[in-house]
Amino acid sequence: MTQAALADNELTLTSPAQGKMAELMSQVEDSVQGVRVFATPGGCSGVSFGMTFTDQLNDDDRVREYEGIRVIVDSGTLEHIRGVEIDFIDGGDGDARFVFNNLQPASGGGCGTCGSQGGCS
């Protein structure tokens, strides 16, 4: 099964994010297909984002290959995450996290922290 590719303007990873994801991918089982970026309802702005390793590719997935990693996004998540940049910030002293930049504005509140962290680290 061949999935459609994610375009550059749909989702990007900074060099630090690519490096950290590649490092994490090297520590998981060979059956893992890549890192799935997902959106779930909730949070103060209506949608929260996260990441997880996945061993499954679905028909509606879009895929972007980077050196050492494959990023996977389903069509439902893509409508919320289009144009987002994922970065990895290491502030030292155990303060390291993935950050989602350029999130689409949602209707309603918005406290400024929702969806800012992924779940891979």
PDB file of N, CA and C in Angstrom:
ATOM      1  N   MET A   1       0.853  -1.175   0.000  1.00  0.00           N
ATOM      2  CA  MET A   1       0.000   0.000   0.000  1.00  0.00           C
ATOM      3  C   MET A   1       0.900   1.240   0.000  1.00  0.00           C
ATOM      4  N   THR A   2       0.584   2.184  -0.868  1.00  0.00           N
ATOM      5  CA  THR A   2       1.359   3.412  -0.967  1.00  0.00           C
ATOM      6  C   THR A   2       0.522   4.583  -0.479  1.00  0.00           C
ATOM      7  N   GLN A   3       1.065   5.320   0.463  1.00  0.00           N
ATOM      8  CA  GLN A   3       0.376   6.490   0.996  1.00  0.00           C
ATOM      9  C   GLN A   3       0.828   7.732   0.233  1.00  0.00           C
ATOM     10  N   ALA A   4      -0.057   8.718   0.183  1.00  0.00           N
ATOM     11  CA  ALA A   4       0.287   9.998  -0.431  1.00  0.00           C
ATOM     12  C   ALA A   4       1.325  10.704   0.436  1.00  0.00           C
ATOM     13  N   ALA A   5       2.166  11.481  -0.202  1.00  0.00           N
ATOM     14  CA  ALA A   5       3.210  12.205   0.519  1.00  0.00           C
ATOM     15  C   ALA A   5       2.654  13.494   1.111  1.00  0.00           C
ATOM     16  N   LEU A   6       3.174  13.850   2.281  1.00  0.00           N
ATOM     17  CA  LEU A   6       2.887  15.155   2.876  1.00  0.00           C
ATOM     18  C   LEU A   6       3.726  16.196   2.147  1.00  0.00           C
ATOM     19  N   ALA A   7       3.135  17.290   1.768  1.00  0.00           N
ATOM     20  CA  ALA A   7       3.858  18.369   1.097  1.00  0.00           C
ATOM     21  C   ALA A   7       4.613  19.214   2.121  1.00  0.00           C
ATOM     22  N   ASP A   8       5.621  19.941   1.635  1.00  0.00           N
ATOM     23  CA  ASP A   8       6.415  20.815   2.500  1.00  0.00           C
ATOM     24  C   ASP A   8       5.552  21.807   3.264  1.00  0.00           C
ATOM     25  N   ASN A   9       4.491  22.310   2.630  1.00  0.00           N
ATOM     26  CA  ASN A   9       3.668  23.327   3.289  1.00  0.00           C
ATOM     27  C   ASN A   9       2.611  22.725   4.217  1.00  0.00           C
ATOM     28  N   GLU A  10       2.523  21.398   4.275  1.00  0.00           N
ATOM     29  CA  GLU A  10       1.536  20.767   5.149  1.00  0.00           C
ATOM     30  C   GLU A  10       2.088  20.501   6.544  1.00  0.00           C
ATOM     31  N   LEU A  11       3.328  20.072   6.636  1.00  0.00           N
ATOM     32  CA  LEU A  11       3.951  19.792   7.931  1.00  0.00           C
ATOM     33  C   LEU A  11       5.455  19.800   7.748  1.00  0.00           C
ATOM     34  N   THR A  12       6.161  20.504   8.636  1.00  0.00           N
ATOM     35  CA  THR A  12       7.616  20.512   8.578  1.00  0.00           C
ATOM     36  C   THR A  12       8.187  20.188   9.944  1.00  0.00           C
ATOM     37  N   LEU A  13       9.397  19.661   9.934  1.00  0.00           N
ATOM     38  CA  LEU A  13      10.145  19.388  11.157  1.00  0.00           C
ATOM     39  C   LEU A  13      11.439  20.181  11.101  1.00  0.00           C
ATOM     40  N   THR A  14      11.781  20.832  12.205  1.00  0.00           N
ATOM     41  CA  THR A  14      13.064  21.521  12.278  1.00  0.00           C
ATOM     42  C   THR A  14      14.167  20.472  12.380  1.00  0.00           C
ATOM     43  N   SER A  15      15.401  20.888  12.166  1.00  0.00           N
ATOM     44  CA  SER A  15      16.537  19.970  12.299  1.00  0.00           C
ATOM     45  C   SER A  15      16.612  19.344  13.687  1.00  0.00           C
ATOM     46  N   PRO A  16      16.431  20.131  14.784  1.00  0.00           N
ATOM     47  CA  PRO A  16      16.449  19.506  16.110  1.00  0.00           C
ATOM     48  C   PRO A  16      15.343  18.456  16.285  1.00  0.00           C
ATOM     49  N   ALA A  17      14.159  18.709  15.737  1.00  0.00           N
ATOM     50  CA  ALA A  17      13.062  17.740  15.841  1.00  0.00           C
ATOM     51  C   ALA A  17      13.393  16.479  15.050  1.00  0.00           C
ATOM     52  N   GLN A  18      13.944  16.641  13.861  1.00  0.00           N
ATOM     53  CA  GLN A  18      14.329  15.482  13.059  1.00  0.00           C
ATOM     54  C   GLN A  18      15.374  14.643  13.789  1.00  0.00           C
ATOM     55  N   GLY A  19      16.359  15.320  14.369  1.00  0.00           N
ATOM     56  CA  GLY A  19      17.415  14.609  15.080  1.00  0.00           C
ATOM     57  C   GLY A  19      16.894  13.827  16.271  1.00  0.00           C
ATOM     58  N   LYS A  20      16.033  14.446  17.061  1.00  0.00           N
ATOM     59  CA  LYS A  20      15.495  13.775  18.245  1.00  0.00           C
ATOM     60  C   LYS A  20      14.586  12.617  17.848  1.00  0.00           C
ATOM     61  N   MET A  21      13.750  12.821  16.828  1.00  0.00           N
ATOM     62  CA  MET A  21      12.884  11.729  16.378  1.00  0.00           C
ATOM     63  C   MET A  21      13.709  10.561  15.845  1.00  0.00           C
ATOM     64  N   ALA A  22      14.762  10.846  15.091  1.00  0.00           N
ATOM     65  CA  ALA A  22      15.627   9.781  14.575  1.00  0.00           C
ATOM     66  C   ALA A  22      16.286   9.029  15.728  1.00  0.00           C
ATOM     67  N   GLU A  23      16.713   9.762  16.747  1.00  0.00           N
ATOM     68  CA  GLU A  23      17.306   9.136  17.937  1.00  0.00           C
ATOM     69  C   GLU A  23      16.296   8.211  18.614  1.00  0.00           C
ATOM     70  N   LEU A  24      15.072   8.686  18.786  1.00  0.00           N
ATOM     71  CA  LEU A  24      14.030   7.877  19.417  1.00  0.00           C
ATOM     72  C   LEU A  24      13.660   6.676  18.552  1.00  0.00           C
ATOM     73  N   MET A  25      13.602   6.861  17.238  1.00  0.00           N
ATOM     74  CA  MET A  25      13.277   5.750  16.335  1.00  0.00           C
ATOM     75  C   MET A  25      14.320   4.645  16.416  1.00  0.00           C
ATOM     76  N   SER A  26      15.569   5.010  16.657  1.00  0.00           N
ATOM     77  CA  SER A  26      16.633   4.002  16.730  1.00  0.00           C
ATOM     78  C   SER A  26      16.508   3.130  17.975  1.00  0.00           C
ATOM     79  N   GLN A  27      15.658   3.531  18.909  1.00  0.00           N
ATOM     80  CA  GLN A  27      15.500   2.803  20.168  1.00  0.00           C
ATOM     81  C   GLN A  27      14.247   1.931  20.207  1.00  0.00           C
ATOM     82  N   VAL A  28      13.466   1.890  19.123  1.00  0.00           N
ATOM     83  CA  VAL A  28      12.211   1.133  19.121  1.00  0.00           C
ATOM     84  C   VAL A  28      12.332  -0.092  18.217  1.00  0.00           C
ATOM     85  N   GLU A  29      11.330  -0.951  18.299  1.00  0.00           N
ATOM     86  CA  GLU A  29      11.313  -2.184  17.526  1.00  0.00           C
ATOM     87  C   GLU A  29      11.277  -1.911  16.026  1.00  0.00           C
ATOM     88  N   ASP A  30      11.782  -2.872  15.260  1.00  0.00           N
ATOM     89  CA  ASP A  30      11.818  -2.734  13.803  1.00  0.00           C
ATOM     90  C   ASP A  30      10.433  -2.666  13.181  1.00  0.00           C
ATOM     91  N   SER A  31       9.411  -3.173  13.879  1.00  0.00           N
ATOM     92  CA  SER A  31       8.052  -3.172  13.325  1.00  0.00           C
ATOM     93  C   SER A  31       7.430  -1.773  13.303  1.00  0.00           C
ATOM     94  N   VAL A  32       8.031  -0.829  14.004  1.00  0.00           N
ATOM     95  CA  VAL A  32       7.503   0.537  14.039  1.00  0.00           C
ATOM     96  C   VAL A  32       7.692   1.175  12.663  1.00  0.00           C
ATOM     97  N   GLN A  33       6.588   1.674  12.102  1.00  0.00           N
ATOM     98  CA  GLN A  33       6.593   2.279  10.770  1.00  0.00           C
ATOM     99  C   GLN A  33       7.009   3.747  10.787  1.00  0.00           C
ATOM    100  N   GLY A  34       6.793   4.410  11.927  1.00  0.00           N
ATOM    101  CA  GLY A  34       7.136   5.816  12.009  1.00  0.00           C
ATOM    102  C   GLY A  34       6.485   6.492  13.193  1.00  0.00           C
ATOM    103  N   VAL A  35       6.517   7.820  13.166  1.00  0.00           N
ATOM    104  CA  VAL A  35       5.922   8.641  14.217  1.00  0.00           C
ATOM    105  C   VAL A  35       4.604   9.190  13.681  1.00  0.00           C
ATOM    106  N   ARG A  36       3.516   8.865  14.379  1.00  0.00           N
ATOM    107  CA  ARG A  36       2.197   9.355  13.984  1.00  0.00           C
ATOM    108  C   ARG A  36       1.900  10.645  14.747  1.00  0.00           C
ATOM    109  N   VAL A  37       1.594  11.702  14.004  1.00  0.00           N
ATOM    110  CA  VAL A  37       1.142  12.964  14.587  1.00  0.00           C
ATOM    111  C   VAL A  37      -0.381  12.914  14.557  1.00  0.00           C
ATOM    112  N   PHE A  38      -1.011  13.228  15.688  1.00  0.00           N
ATOM    113  CA  PHE A  38      -2.469  13.115  15.752  1.00  0.00           C
ATOM    114  C   PHE A  38      -3.093  14.310  16.453  1.00  0.00           C
ATOM    115  N   ALA A  39      -4.364  14.520  16.166  1.00  0.00           N
ATOM    116  CA  ALA A  39      -5.158  15.575  16.800  1.00  0.00           C
ATOM    117  C   ALA A  39      -6.298  14.909  17.549  1.00  0.00           C
ATOM    118  N   THR A  40      -6.584  15.409  18.751  1.00  0.00           N
ATOM    119  CA  THR A  40      -7.716  14.912  19.526  1.00  0.00           C
ATOM    120  C   THR A  40      -8.546  16.099  19.999  1.00  0.00           C
ATOM    121  N   PRO A  41      -9.868  15.922  20.046  1.00  0.00           N
ATOM    122  CA  PRO A  41     -10.715  17.001  20.558  1.00  0.00           C
ATOM    123  C   PRO A  41     -10.384  17.279  22.018  1.00  0.00           C
ATOM    124  N   GLY A  42     -10.443  18.535  22.398  1.00  0.00           N
ATOM    125  CA  GLY A  42     -10.192  18.900  23.786  1.00  0.00           C
ATOM    126  C   GLY A  42      -9.156  19.987  23.896  1.00  0.00           C
ATOM    127  N   GLY A  43      -8.835  20.331  25.095  1.00  0.00           N
ATOM    128  CA  GLY A  43      -7.907  21.421  25.320  1.00  0.00           C
ATOM    129  C   GLY A  43      -8.638  22.748  25.252  1.00  0.00           C
ATOM    130  N   CYS A  44      -7.970  23.797  25.647  1.00  0.00           N
ATOM    131  CA  CYS A  44      -8.627  25.098  25.747  1.00  0.00           C
ATOM    132  C   CYS A  44      -8.932  25.714  24.393  1.00  0.00           C
ATOM    133  N   SER A  45      -8.305  25.222  23.324  1.00  0.00           N
ATOM    134  CA  SER A  45      -8.577  25.772  21.997  1.00  0.00           C
ATOM    135  C   SER A  45      -9.355  24.811  21.115  1.00  0.00           C
ATOM    136  N   GLY A  46      -9.827  23.727  21.679  1.00  0.00           N
ATOM    137  CA  GLY A  46     -10.656  22.803  20.930  1.00  0.00           C
ATOM    138  C   GLY A  46      -9.950  21.582  20.393  1.00  0.00           C
ATOM    139  N   VAL A  47      -8.648  21.642  20.133  1.00  0.00           N
ATOM    140  CA  VAL A  47      -7.895  20.516  19.595  1.00  0.00           C
ATOM    141  C   VAL A  47      -6.539  20.462  20.284  1.00  0.00           C
ATOM    142  N   SER A  48      -6.131  19.256  20.659  1.00  0.00           N
ATOM    143  CA  SER A  48      -4.795  19.039  21.207  1.00  0.00           C
ATOM    144  C   SER A  48      -4.038  18.124  20.254  1.00  0.00           C
ATOM    145  N   PHE A  49      -2.733  18.267  20.213  1.00  0.00           N
ATOM    146  CA  PHE A  49      -1.905  17.476  19.315  1.00  0.00           C
ATOM    147  C   PHE A  49      -0.931  16.623  20.107  1.00  0.00           C
ATOM    148  N   GLY A  50      -0.546  15.519  19.514  1.00  0.00           N
ATOM    149  CA  GLY A  50       0.419  14.639  20.143  1.00  0.00           C
ATOM    150  C   GLY A  50       1.117  13.794  19.097  1.00  0.00           C
ATOM    151  N   MET A  51       2.031  12.963  19.564  1.00  0.00           N
ATOM    152  CA  MET A  51       2.772  12.065  18.682  1.00  0.00           C
ATOM    153  C   MET A  51       2.933  10.731  19.384  1.00  0.00           C
ATOM    154  N   THR A  52       2.983   9.678  18.589  1.00  0.00           N
ATOM    155  CA  THR A  52       3.208   8.345  19.118  1.00  0.00           C
ATOM    156  C   THR A  52       3.875   7.502  18.036  1.00  0.00           C
ATOM    157  N   PHE A  53       4.568   6.465  18.450  1.00  0.00           N
ATOM    158  CA  PHE A  53       5.103   5.527  17.474  1.00  0.00           C
ATOM    159  C   PHE A  53       3.958   4.670  16.964  1.00  0.00           C
ATOM    160  N   THR A  54       4.027   4.275  15.706  1.00  0.00           N
ATOM    161  CA  THR A  54       2.981   3.421  15.145  1.00  0.00           C
ATOM    162  C   THR A  54       3.594   2.314  14.299  1.00  0.00           C
ATOM    163  N   ASP A  55       2.960   1.158  14.356  1.00  0.00           N
ATOM    164  CA  ASP A  55       3.390   0.045  13.508  1.00  0.00           C
ATOM    165  C   ASP A  55       2.396  -0.183  12.371  1.00  0.00           C
ATOM    166  N   GLN A  56       1.520   0.793  12.161  1.00  0.00           N
ATOM    167  CA  GLN A  56       0.437   0.631  11.201  1.00  0.00           C
ATOM    168  C   GLN A  56       0.333   1.831  10.265  1.00  0.00           C
ATOM    169  N   LEU A  57       0.155   1.552   8.991  1.00  0.00           N
ATOM    170  CA  LEU A  57      -0.136   2.580   7.997  1.00  0.00           C
ATOM    171  C   LEU A  57      -1.543   2.331   7.475  1.00  0.00           C
ATOM    172  N   ASN A  58      -2.355   3.377   7.412  1.00  0.00           N
ATOM    173  CA  ASN A  58      -3.740   3.273   6.965  1.00  0.00           C
ATOM    174  C   ASN A  58      -3.903   3.908   5.590  1.00  0.00           C
ATOM    175  N   ASP A  59      -4.991   3.564   4.918  1.00  0.00           N
ATOM    176  CA  ASP A  59      -5.241   4.073   3.567  1.00  0.00           C
ATOM    177  C   ASP A  59      -5.293   5.593   3.498  1.00  0.00           C
ATOM    178  N   ASP A  60      -5.793   6.241   4.555  1.00  0.00           N
ATOM    179  CA  ASP A  60      -5.941   7.701   4.521  1.00  0.00           C
ATOM    180  C   ASP A  60      -4.740   8.443   5.101  1.00  0.00           C
ATOM    181  N   ASP A  61      -3.650   7.740   5.364  1.00  0.00           N
ATOM    182  CA  ASP A  61      -2.452   8.378   5.918  1.00  0.00           C
ATOM    183  C   ASP A  61      -1.680   9.131   4.846  1.00  0.00           C
ATOM    184  N   ARG A  62      -1.052  10.220   5.264  1.00  0.00           N
ATOM    185  CA  ARG A  62      -0.094  10.967   4.450  1.00  0.00           C
ATOM    186  C   ARG A  62       1.250  10.788   5.140  1.00  0.00           C
ATOM    187  N   VAL A  63       2.319  10.656   4.364  1.00  0.00           N
ATOM    188  CA  VAL A  63       3.629  10.312   4.914  1.00  0.00           C
ATOM    189  C   VAL A  63       4.676  11.292   4.408  1.00  0.00           C
ATOM    190  N   ARG A  64       5.590  11.644   5.300  1.00  0.00           N
ATOM    191  CA  ARG A  64       6.748  12.474   4.929  1.00  0.00           C
ATOM    192  C   ARG A  64       7.992  11.776   5.450  1.00  0.00           C
ATOM    193  N   GLU A  65       8.922  11.509   4.565  1.00  0.00           N
ATOM    194  CA  GLU A  65      10.164  10.829   4.912  1.00  0.00           C
ATOM    195  C   GLU A  65      11.250  11.859   5.219  1.00  0.00           C
ATOM    196  N   TYR A  66      11.899  11.657   6.335  1.00  0.00           N
ATOM    197  CA  TYR A  66      13.089  12.421   6.695  1.00  0.00           C
ATOM    198  C   TYR A  66      14.194  11.400   6.904  1.00  0.00           C
ATOM    199  N   GLU A  67      15.425  11.844   7.023  1.00  0.00           N
ATOM    200  CA  GLU A  67      16.517  10.904   7.231  1.00  0.00           C
ATOM    201  C   GLU A  67      16.330  10.173   8.559  1.00  0.00           C
ATOM    202  N   GLY A  68      16.122   8.873   8.485  1.00  0.00           N
ATOM    203  CA  GLY A  68      15.995   8.058   9.691  1.00  0.00           C
ATOM    204  C   GLY A  68      14.604   7.992  10.286  1.00  0.00           C
ATOM    205  N   ILE A  69      13.636   8.728   9.723  1.00  0.00           N
ATOM    206  CA  ILE A  69      12.282   8.710  10.292  1.00  0.00           C
ATOM    207  C   ILE A  69      11.223   8.880   9.207  1.00  0.00           C
ATOM    208  N   ARG A  70      10.039   8.436   9.554  1.00  0.00           N
ATOM    209  CA  ARG A  70       8.857   8.627   8.709  1.00  0.00           C
ATOM    210  C   ARG A  70       7.790   9.257   9.595  1.00  0.00           C
ATOM    211  N   VAL A  71       7.249  10.397   9.163  1.00  0.00           N
ATOM    212  CA  VAL A  71       6.183  11.078   9.898  1.00  0.00           C
ATOM    213  C   VAL A  71       4.871  10.765   9.190  1.00  0.00           C
ATOM    214  N   ILE A  72       3.870  10.347   9.973  1.00  0.00           N
ATOM    215  CA  ILE A  72       2.599   9.878   9.433  1.00  0.00           C
ATOM    216  C   ILE A  72       1.468  10.725  10.009  1.00  0.00           C
ATOM    217  N   VAL A  73       0.573  11.182   9.139  1.00  0.00           N
ATOM    218  CA  VAL A  73      -0.572  12.000   9.554  1.00  0.00           C
ATOM    219  C   VAL A  73      -1.802  11.473   8.823  1.00  0.00           C
ATOM    220  N   ASP A  74      -2.903  11.227   9.552  1.00  0.00           N
ATOM    221  CA  ASP A  74      -4.129  10.801   8.872  1.00  0.00           C
ATOM    222  C   ASP A  74      -4.880  12.026   8.348  1.00  0.00           C
ATOM    223  N   SER A  75      -5.837  11.787   7.473  1.00  0.00           N
ATOM    224  CA  SER A  75      -6.531  12.897   6.814  1.00  0.00           C
ATOM    225  C   SER A  75      -7.313  13.762   7.798  1.00  0.00           C
ATOM    226  N   GLY A  76      -7.852  13.177   8.860  1.00  0.00           N
ATOM    227  CA  GLY A  76      -8.584  13.955   9.857  1.00  0.00           C
ATOM    228  C   GLY A  76      -7.686  14.913  10.618  1.00  0.00           C
ATOM    229  N   THR A  77      -6.473  14.474  10.914  1.00  0.00           N
ATOM    230  CA  THR A  77      -5.511  15.331  11.608  1.00  0.00           C
ATOM    231  C   THR A  77      -4.968  16.404  10.672  1.00  0.00           C
ATOM    232  N   LEU A  78      -4.782  16.056   9.417  1.00  0.00           N
ATOM    233  CA  LEU A  78      -4.179  16.988   8.465  1.00  0.00           C
ATOM    234  C   LEU A  78      -4.954  18.296   8.372  1.00  0.00           C
ATOM    235  N   GLU A  79      -6.270  18.235   8.446  1.00  0.00           N
ATOM    236  CA  GLU A  79      -7.053  19.471   8.346  1.00  0.00           C
ATOM    237  C   GLU A  79      -6.785  20.421   9.510  1.00  0.00           C
ATOM    238  N   HIS A  80      -6.319  19.899  10.647  1.00  0.00           N
ATOM    239  CA  HIS A  80      -6.020  20.738  11.817  1.00  0.00           C
ATOM    240  C   HIS A  80      -4.555  21.155  11.887  1.00  0.00           C
ATOM    241  N   ILE A  81      -3.682  20.400  11.237  1.00  0.00           N
ATOM    242  CA  ILE A  81      -2.250  20.604  11.447  1.00  0.00           C
ATOM    243  C   ILE A  81      -1.545  21.189  10.222  1.00  0.00           C
ATOM    244  N   ARG A  82      -2.273  21.441   9.172  1.00  0.00           N
ATOM    245  CA  ARG A  82      -1.677  21.958   7.930  1.00  0.00           C
ATOM    246  C   ARG A  82      -0.896  23.248   8.214  1.00  0.00           C
ATOM    247  N   GLY A  83       0.367  23.288   7.775  1.00  0.00           N
ATOM    248  CA  GLY A  83       1.211  24.461   7.954  1.00  0.00           C
ATOM    249  C   GLY A  83       1.997  24.485   9.254  1.00  0.00           C
ATOM    250  N   VAL A  84       1.845  23.454  10.077  1.00  0.00           N
ATOM    251  CA  VAL A  84       2.517  23.419  11.376  1.00  0.00           C
ATOM    252  C   VAL A  84       3.977  22.998  11.218  1.00  0.00           C
ATOM    253  N   GLU A  85       4.800  23.561  12.077  1.00  0.00           N
ATOM    254  CA  GLU A  85       6.202  23.189  12.187  1.00  0.00           C
ATOM    255  C   GLU A  85       6.387  22.532  13.548  1.00  0.00           C
ATOM    256  N   ILE A  86       7.017  21.355  13.562  1.00  0.00           N
ATOM    257  CA  ILE A  86       7.328  20.689  14.825  1.00  0.00           C
ATOM    258  C   ILE A  86       8.796  20.934  15.127  1.00  0.00           C
ATOM    259  N   ASP A  87       9.059  21.425  16.324  1.00  0.00           N
ATOM    260  CA  ASP A  87      10.419  21.725  16.765  1.00  0.00           C
ATOM    261  C   ASP A  87      10.705  20.917  18.023  1.00  0.00           C
ATOM    262  N   PHE A  88      11.978  20.759  18.354  1.00  0.00           N
ATOM    263  CA  PHE A  88      12.380  20.124  19.604  1.00  0.00           C
ATOM    264  C   PHE A  88      13.214  21.129  20.377  1.00  0.00           C
ATOM    265  N   ILE A  89      12.788  21.408  21.597  1.00  0.00           N
ATOM    266  CA  ILE A  89      13.457  22.384  22.457  1.00  0.00           C
ATOM    267  C   ILE A  89      14.062  21.650  23.642  1.00  0.00           C
ATOM    268  N   ASP A  90      15.352  21.835  23.860  1.00  0.00           N
ATOM    269  CA  ASP A  90      16.016  21.248  25.022  1.00  0.00           C
ATOM    270  C   ASP A  90      16.543  22.382  25.884  1.00  0.00           C
ATOM    271  N   GLY A  91      15.798  22.691  26.943  1.00  0.00           N
ATOM    272  CA  GLY A  91      16.166  23.772  27.841  1.00  0.00           C
ATOM    273  C   GLY A  91      17.135  23.352  28.932  1.00  0.00           C
ATOM    274  N   GLY A  92      17.568  22.088  28.911  1.00  0.00           N
ATOM    275  CA  GLY A  92      18.472  21.593  29.941  1.00  0.00           C
ATOM    276  C   GLY A  92      17.728  21.210  31.203  1.00  0.00           C
ATOM    277  N   ASP A  93      18.406  20.569  32.105  1.00  0.00           N
ATOM    278  CA  ASP A  93      17.831  20.143  33.385  1.00  0.00           C
ATOM    279  C   ASP A  93      16.534  19.359  33.208  1.00  0.00           C
ATOM    280  N   GLY A  94      16.473  18.514  32.179  1.00  0.00           N
ATOM    281  CA  GLY A  94      15.296  17.677  31.960  1.00  0.00           C
ATOM    282  C   GLY A  94      14.128  18.371  31.300  1.00  0.00           C
ATOM    283  N   ASP A  95      14.294  19.636  30.931  1.00  0.00           N
ATOM    284  CA  ASP A  95      13.216  20.388  30.284  1.00  0.00           C
ATOM    285  C   ASP A  95      13.378  20.288  28.767  1.00  0.00           C
ATOM    286  N   ALA A  96      12.947  19.154  28.207  1.00  0.00           N
ATOM    287  CA  ALA A  96      13.042  18.928  26.770  1.00  0.00           C
ATOM    288  C   ALA A  96      11.680  18.485  26.257  1.00  0.00           C
ATOM    289  N   ARG A  97      11.277  19.040  25.105  1.00  0.00           N
ATOM    290  CA  ARG A  97       9.947  18.707  24.586  1.00  0.00           C
ATOM    291  C   ARG A  97       9.839  19.061  23.103  1.00  0.00           C
ATOM    292  N   PHE A  98       8.884  18.417  22.458  1.00  0.00           N
ATOM    293  CA  PHE A  98       8.503  18.790  21.107  1.00  0.00           C
ATOM    294  C   PHE A  98       7.479  19.910  21.204  1.00  0.00           C
ATOM    295  N   VAL A  99       7.579  20.861  20.299  1.00  0.00           N
ATOM    296  CA  VAL A  99       6.680  22.016  20.291  1.00  0.00           C
ATOM    297  C   VAL A  99       6.068  22.135  18.898  1.00  0.00           C
ATOM    298  N   PHE A 100       4.766  22.371  18.861  1.00  0.00           N
ATOM    299  CA  PHE A 100       4.044  22.578  17.607  1.00  0.00           C
ATOM    300  C   PHE A 100       3.902  24.084  17.391  1.00  0.00           C
ATOM    301  N   ASN A 101       4.554  24.616  16.346  1.00  0.00           N
ATOM    302  CA  ASN A 101       4.493  26.043  16.024  1.00  0.00           C
ATOM    303  C   ASN A 101       3.543  26.285  14.852  1.00  0.00           C
ATOM    304  N   ASN A 102       3.039  27.505  14.755  1.00  0.00           N
ATOM    305  CA  ASN A 102       2.156  27.935  13.661  1.00  0.00           C
ATOM    306  C   ASN A 102       0.816  27.217  13.667  1.00  0.00           C
ATOM    307  N   LEU A 103       0.295  26.918  14.845  1.00  0.00           N
ATOM    308  CA  LEU A 103      -1.007  26.265  14.926  1.00  0.00           C
ATOM    309  C   LEU A 103      -2.085  27.167  14.358  1.00  0.00           C
ATOM    310  N   GLN A 104      -3.064  26.557  13.722  1.00  0.00           N
ATOM    311  CA  GLN A 104      -4.186  27.320  13.191  1.00  0.00           C
ATOM    312  C   GLN A 104      -5.011  27.858  14.347  1.00  0.00           C
ATOM    313  N   PRO A 105      -5.451  29.101  14.261  1.00  0.00           N
ATOM    314  CA  PRO A 105      -6.293  29.628  15.337  1.00  0.00           C
ATOM    315  C   PRO A 105      -7.623  28.890  15.375  1.00  0.00           C
ATOM    316  N   ALA A 106      -8.089  28.632  16.585  1.00  0.00           N
ATOM    317  CA  ALA A 106      -9.380  27.969  16.770  1.00  0.00           C
ATOM    318  C   ALA A 106     -10.377  28.979  17.296  1.00  0.00           C
ATOM    319  N   SER A 107     -11.626  28.692  17.086  1.00  0.00           N
ATOM    320  CA  SER A 107     -12.638  29.597  17.625  1.00  0.00           C
ATOM    321  C   SER A 107     -12.702  29.436  19.127  1.00  0.00           C
ATOM    322  N   GLY A 108     -13.051  30.473  19.801  1.00  0.00           N
ATOM    323  CA  GLY A 108     -13.151  30.412  21.255  1.00  0.00           C
ATOM    324  C   GLY A 108     -11.846  30.765  21.910  1.00  0.00           C
ATOM    325  N   GLY A 109     -11.731  30.428  23.186  1.00  0.00           N
ATOM    326  CA  GLY A 109     -10.632  30.748  24.089  1.00  0.00           C
ATOM    327  C   GLY A 109      -9.249  30.719  23.509  1.00  0.00           C
ATOM    328  N   GLY A 110      -8.414  29.915  24.067  1.00  0.00           N
ATOM    329  CA  GLY A 110      -7.038  29.850  23.620  1.00  0.00           C
ATOM    330  C   GLY A 110      -6.114  30.385  24.679  1.00  0.00           C
ATOM    331  N   CYS A 111      -5.571  29.489  25.474  1.00  0.00           N
ATOM    332  CA  CYS A 111      -4.729  29.930  26.581  1.00  0.00           C
ATOM    333  C   CYS A 111      -3.270  30.043  26.187  1.00  0.00           C
ATOM    334  N   GLY A 112      -2.931  29.621  24.961  1.00  0.00           N
ATOM    335  CA  GLY A 112      -1.553  29.774  24.511  1.00  0.00           C
ATOM    336  C   GLY A 112      -0.661  28.593  24.805  1.00  0.00           C
ATOM    337  N   THR A 113      -1.143  27.574  25.530  1.00  0.00           N
ATOM    338  CA  THR A 113      -0.293  26.435  25.817  1.00  0.00           C
ATOM    339  C   THR A 113      -0.839  25.142  25.259  1.00  0.00           C
ATOM    340  N   CYS A 114      -2.064  25.135  24.806  1.00  0.00           N
ATOM    341  CA  CYS A 114      -2.664  23.895  24.312  1.00  0.00           C
ATOM    342  C   CYS A 114      -1.937  23.410  23.072  1.00  0.00           C
ATOM    343  N   GLY A 115      -1.728  22.109  23.005  1.00  0.00           N
ATOM    344  CA  GLY A 115      -1.136  21.511  21.823  1.00  0.00           C
ATOM    345  C   GLY A 115       0.322  21.832  21.638  1.00  0.00           C
ATOM    346  N   SER A 116       1.004  22.281  22.659  1.00  0.00           N
ATOM    347  CA  SER A 116       2.391  22.681  22.476  1.00  0.00           C
ATOM    348  C   SER A 116       3.376  21.553  22.723  1.00  0.00           C
ATOM    349  N   GLN A 117       2.904  20.417  23.212  1.00  0.00           N
ATOM    350  CA  GLN A 117       3.837  19.340  23.504  1.00  0.00           C
ATOM    351  C   GLN A 117       3.395  18.048  22.847  1.00  0.00           C
ATOM    352  N   GLY A 118       4.366  17.316  22.351  1.00  0.00           N
ATOM    353  CA  GLY A 118       4.105  16.006  21.791  1.00  0.00           C
ATOM    354  C   GLY A 118       4.321  14.930  22.821  1.00  0.00           C
ATOM    355  N   GLY A 119       4.108  13.685  22.452  1.00  0.00           N
ATOM    356  CA  GLY A 119       4.192  12.600  23.405  1.00  0.00           C
ATOM    357  C   GLY A 119       5.288  11.610  23.131  1.00  0.00           C
ATOM    358  N   CYS A 120       6.304  11.960  22.362  1.00  0.00           N
ATOM    359  CA  CYS A 120       7.342  10.995  22.022  1.00  0.00           C
ATOM    360  C   CYS A 120       8.500  10.967  23.002  1.00  0.00           C
ATOM    361  N   SER A 121       8.722  12.020  23.767  1.00  0.00           N
ATOM    362  CA  SER A 121       9.918  12.029  24.612  1.00  0.00           C
ATOM    363  C   SER A 121       9.606  11.550  25.999  1.00  0.00           C
TER     364      SER A 121
END
